[in-house]
N, C-alpha and C. Protein backbone atom coordinates (compact mmCIF):
# COMPACT_ATOMS: atom_id res chain seq x y z
N PRO A 1 -7.33 -3.86 -2.56
CA PRO A 1 -6.68 -4.62 -1.49
C PRO A 1 -7.68 -5.00 -0.40
N PRO A 2 -7.38 -6.04 0.35
CA PRO A 2 -8.28 -6.43 1.43
C PRO A 2 -8.43 -5.30 2.46
N LYS A 3 -9.60 -5.24 3.06
CA LYS A 3 -9.90 -4.18 4.03
C LYS A 3 -8.90 -4.18 5.18
N TYR A 4 -8.54 -5.36 5.66
CA TYR A 4 -7.62 -5.44 6.79
C TYR A 4 -6.24 -4.88 6.43
N ALA A 5 -5.80 -5.10 5.20
CA ALA A 5 -4.52 -4.54 4.75
C ALA A 5 -4.57 -3.02 4.77
N LEU A 6 -5.70 -2.45 4.37
CA LEU A 6 -5.85 -0.99 4.42
C LEU A 6 -5.79 -0.48 5.86
N GLU A 7 -6.38 -1.23 6.77
CA GLU A 7 -6.33 -0.84 8.18
C GLU A 7 -4.89 -0.85 8.69
N LEU A 8 -4.13 -1.87 8.33
CA LEU A 8 -2.74 -1.94 8.76
C LEU A 8 -1.91 -0.82 8.14
N LEU A 9 -2.16 -0.49 6.87
CA LEU A 9 -1.45 0.63 6.25
C LEU A 9 -1.79 1.94 6.93
N THR A 10 -3.03 2.10 7.35
CA THR A 10 -3.44 3.31 8.05
C THR A 10 -2.73 3.42 9.39
N ILE A 11 -2.65 2.32 10.12
CA ILE A 11 -1.92 2.32 11.40
C ILE A 11 -0.46 2.65 11.17
N TYR A 12 0.12 2.05 10.15
CA TYR A 12 1.53 2.32 9.82
C TYR A 12 1.74 3.80 9.49
N ALA A 13 0.86 4.37 8.68
CA ALA A 13 0.96 5.79 8.32
C ALA A 13 0.85 6.66 9.56
N TRP A 14 -0.06 6.33 10.46
CA TRP A 14 -0.23 7.09 11.70
C TRP A 14 1.03 7.05 12.54
N GLU A 15 1.58 5.84 12.72
CA GLU A 15 2.79 5.71 13.54
C GLU A 15 3.98 6.43 12.92
N GLN A 16 4.13 6.33 11.62
CA GLN A 16 5.25 6.99 10.95
C GLN A 16 5.10 8.50 10.96
N GLY A 17 3.88 8.96 10.82
CA GLY A 17 3.64 10.40 10.73
C GLY A 17 3.59 11.12 12.05
N THR A 18 3.32 10.39 13.12
CA THR A 18 3.16 11.06 14.41
C THR A 18 4.14 10.57 15.46
N GLY A 19 4.88 9.53 15.15
CA GLY A 19 5.73 8.95 16.17
C GLY A 19 4.90 8.36 17.30
N SER A 20 3.70 7.92 16.98
CA SER A 20 2.73 7.34 17.92
C SER A 20 2.18 8.37 18.90
N LYS A 21 2.36 9.65 18.63
CA LYS A 21 1.74 10.68 19.47
C LYS A 21 0.26 10.75 19.16
N GLU A 22 -0.46 11.46 19.97
CA GLU A 22 -1.91 11.57 19.79
C GLU A 22 -2.30 12.40 18.58
N ALA A 23 -1.49 13.40 18.23
CA ALA A 23 -1.84 14.29 17.12
C ALA A 23 -1.74 13.52 15.80
N PHE A 24 -2.81 13.58 15.04
CA PHE A 24 -2.83 12.90 13.74
C PHE A 24 -3.63 13.73 12.77
N SER A 25 -2.99 14.09 11.67
CA SER A 25 -3.69 14.83 10.63
C SER A 25 -4.34 13.81 9.70
N LEU A 26 -5.65 13.79 9.69
CA LEU A 26 -6.38 12.85 8.85
C LEU A 26 -6.01 13.02 7.39
N ALA A 27 -5.88 14.27 6.94
CA ALA A 27 -5.54 14.53 5.54
C ALA A 27 -4.16 13.99 5.20
N GLU A 28 -3.18 14.23 6.08
CA GLU A 28 -1.83 13.72 5.83
C GLU A 28 -1.80 12.20 5.86
N GLY A 29 -2.51 11.61 6.80
CA GLY A 29 -2.57 10.16 6.89
C GLY A 29 -3.21 9.55 5.65
N PHE A 30 -4.28 10.16 5.18
CA PHE A 30 -4.95 9.69 3.97
C PHE A 30 -4.01 9.77 2.77
N CYS A 31 -3.29 10.88 2.65
CA CYS A 31 -2.33 11.05 1.54
C CYS A 31 -1.23 10.00 1.62
N THR A 32 -0.75 9.73 2.82
CA THR A 32 0.31 8.73 2.99
C THR A 32 -0.17 7.35 2.55
N VAL A 33 -1.38 6.98 2.96
CA VAL A 33 -1.93 5.68 2.57
C VAL A 33 -2.12 5.62 1.05
N LEU A 34 -2.61 6.68 0.45
CA LEU A 34 -2.78 6.70 -1.01
C LEU A 34 -1.44 6.57 -1.72
N LYS A 35 -0.41 7.24 -1.21
CA LYS A 35 0.93 7.13 -1.81
C LYS A 35 1.45 5.71 -1.71
N LEU A 36 1.22 5.08 -0.57
CA LEU A 36 1.63 3.68 -0.42
C LEU A 36 0.91 2.79 -1.42
N LEU A 37 -0.39 3.03 -1.58
CA LEU A 37 -1.18 2.22 -2.52
C LEU A 37 -0.74 2.42 -3.96
N CYS A 38 -0.32 3.63 -4.29
CA CYS A 38 0.16 3.90 -5.65
C CYS A 38 1.43 3.12 -5.95
N ARG A 39 2.17 2.79 -4.90
CA ARG A 39 3.42 2.04 -5.08
C ARG A 39 3.29 0.68 -4.39
N TYR A 40 2.14 0.05 -4.57
CA TYR A 40 1.84 -1.18 -3.84
C TYR A 40 2.85 -2.29 -4.09
N ARG A 41 3.50 -2.29 -5.23
CA ARG A 41 4.48 -3.34 -5.53
C ARG A 41 5.75 -3.19 -4.70
N ASP A 42 5.91 -2.06 -4.04
CA ASP A 42 7.07 -1.82 -3.20
C ASP A 42 6.76 -1.94 -1.71
N ILE A 43 5.51 -2.17 -1.36
CA ILE A 43 5.12 -2.17 0.05
C ILE A 43 5.77 -3.33 0.80
N CYS A 44 6.45 -2.96 1.88
CA CYS A 44 7.02 -3.93 2.80
C CYS A 44 6.90 -3.31 4.19
N VAL A 45 5.86 -3.69 4.89
CA VAL A 45 5.55 -3.10 6.19
C VAL A 45 5.53 -4.20 7.25
N TYR A 46 6.32 -4.00 8.28
CA TYR A 46 6.26 -4.86 9.46
C TYR A 46 6.72 -4.05 10.66
N TRP A 47 6.34 -4.49 11.82
CA TRP A 47 6.64 -3.77 13.05
C TRP A 47 7.81 -4.44 13.74
N GLU A 48 8.95 -3.74 13.84
CA GLU A 48 10.15 -4.31 14.44
C GLU A 48 9.94 -4.67 15.91
N LYS A 49 9.00 -4.02 16.55
CA LYS A 49 8.69 -4.34 17.95
C LYS A 49 8.24 -5.80 18.07
N TYR A 50 7.59 -6.31 17.03
CA TYR A 50 7.06 -7.67 17.06
C TYR A 50 7.83 -8.64 16.18
N TYR A 51 8.56 -8.12 15.21
CA TYR A 51 9.31 -8.95 14.27
C TYR A 51 10.76 -8.50 14.28
N SER A 52 11.57 -9.12 15.12
CA SER A 52 12.97 -8.72 15.27
C SER A 52 13.88 -9.63 14.45
N LEU A 53 14.70 -9.01 13.63
CA LEU A 53 15.69 -9.77 12.88
C LEU A 53 16.76 -10.34 13.81
N GLN A 54 16.90 -9.75 14.99
CA GLN A 54 17.92 -10.18 15.95
C GLN A 54 17.51 -11.45 16.71
N HIS A 55 16.21 -11.69 16.82
CA HIS A 55 15.71 -12.88 17.53
C HIS A 55 16.03 -14.11 16.69
N GLU A 56 16.58 -15.13 17.33
CA GLU A 56 17.06 -16.31 16.59
C GLU A 56 15.98 -16.96 15.73
N GLN A 57 14.84 -17.30 16.32
CA GLN A 57 13.79 -17.99 15.57
C GLN A 57 12.96 -17.02 14.73
N ILE A 58 12.56 -15.93 15.32
CA ILE A 58 11.74 -14.96 14.60
C ILE A 58 12.52 -14.36 13.44
N GLY A 59 13.79 -14.06 13.66
CA GLY A 59 14.62 -13.47 12.61
C GLY A 59 14.73 -14.36 11.38
N THR A 60 14.91 -15.64 11.60
CA THR A 60 15.00 -16.59 10.49
C THR A 60 13.69 -16.63 9.71
N HIS A 61 12.59 -16.70 10.43
CA HIS A 61 11.26 -16.73 9.78
C HIS A 61 11.00 -15.42 9.04
N LEU A 62 11.34 -14.30 9.67
CA LEU A 62 11.13 -12.99 9.06
C LEU A 62 11.92 -12.85 7.77
N LYS A 63 13.15 -13.29 7.76
CA LYS A 63 13.96 -13.21 6.54
C LYS A 63 13.32 -13.99 5.40
N GLN A 64 12.74 -15.14 5.72
CA GLN A 64 12.04 -15.93 4.69
C GLN A 64 10.83 -15.17 4.16
N LEU A 65 10.08 -14.55 5.06
CA LEU A 65 8.89 -13.79 4.64
C LEU A 65 9.28 -12.59 3.78
N LEU A 66 10.36 -11.92 4.14
CA LEU A 66 10.77 -10.71 3.42
C LEU A 66 11.33 -11.01 2.03
N ARG A 67 11.67 -12.26 1.77
CA ARG A 67 12.14 -12.65 0.44
C ARG A 67 10.99 -12.87 -0.54
N LYS A 68 9.78 -12.94 -0.02
CA LYS A 68 8.61 -13.18 -0.88
C LYS A 68 8.31 -11.94 -1.72
N PRO A 69 7.57 -12.13 -2.80
CA PRO A 69 7.19 -10.98 -3.64
C PRO A 69 6.35 -9.97 -2.87
N ARG A 70 6.51 -8.73 -3.24
CA ARG A 70 5.75 -7.65 -2.63
C ARG A 70 4.35 -7.62 -3.21
N PRO A 71 3.39 -7.06 -2.57
CA PRO A 71 3.44 -6.34 -1.30
C PRO A 71 3.48 -7.29 -0.11
N ILE A 72 4.14 -6.81 0.95
CA ILE A 72 4.22 -7.55 2.21
C ILE A 72 3.74 -6.64 3.32
N ILE A 73 2.75 -7.09 4.06
CA ILE A 73 2.28 -6.38 5.24
C ILE A 73 2.11 -7.44 6.33
N LEU A 74 2.96 -7.38 7.34
CA LEU A 74 2.89 -8.36 8.41
C LEU A 74 2.09 -7.79 9.58
N ASP A 75 1.11 -8.53 9.98
CA ASP A 75 0.22 -8.13 11.07
C ASP A 75 1.00 -8.11 12.39
N PRO A 76 0.98 -6.99 13.11
CA PRO A 76 1.73 -6.93 14.36
C PRO A 76 1.14 -7.81 15.47
N ARG A 77 -0.07 -8.26 15.30
CA ARG A 77 -0.71 -9.09 16.33
C ARG A 77 -0.56 -10.57 16.08
N ARG A 78 0.04 -10.97 14.98
CA ARG A 78 0.11 -12.42 14.67
C ARG A 78 1.52 -12.87 14.53
C-alpha cells in the first residue's frame, strides 16, 4: 500500500486504541495496523469529525465515496 495510506492507518489505530490520549503502546498499534492490512479488502476508514453524514453537501458526497470498492481511507485533511 502507499506510504501515506499506512500513515493514516497508524493514526487511526492510535486514535481507536487510546481515545486520542497521549499513552500509546507501539506494539499494540503495530498489531492493529497489521490486522487492518490483513483484512485490507474490508478497510473503510474516515474521520466523522471531518466527514459528517449529517451535513447536507458533505453527507451526499461521503455516501458516494463509501459505495466505492474497498479499501477506502479518506484523508482527514482533504
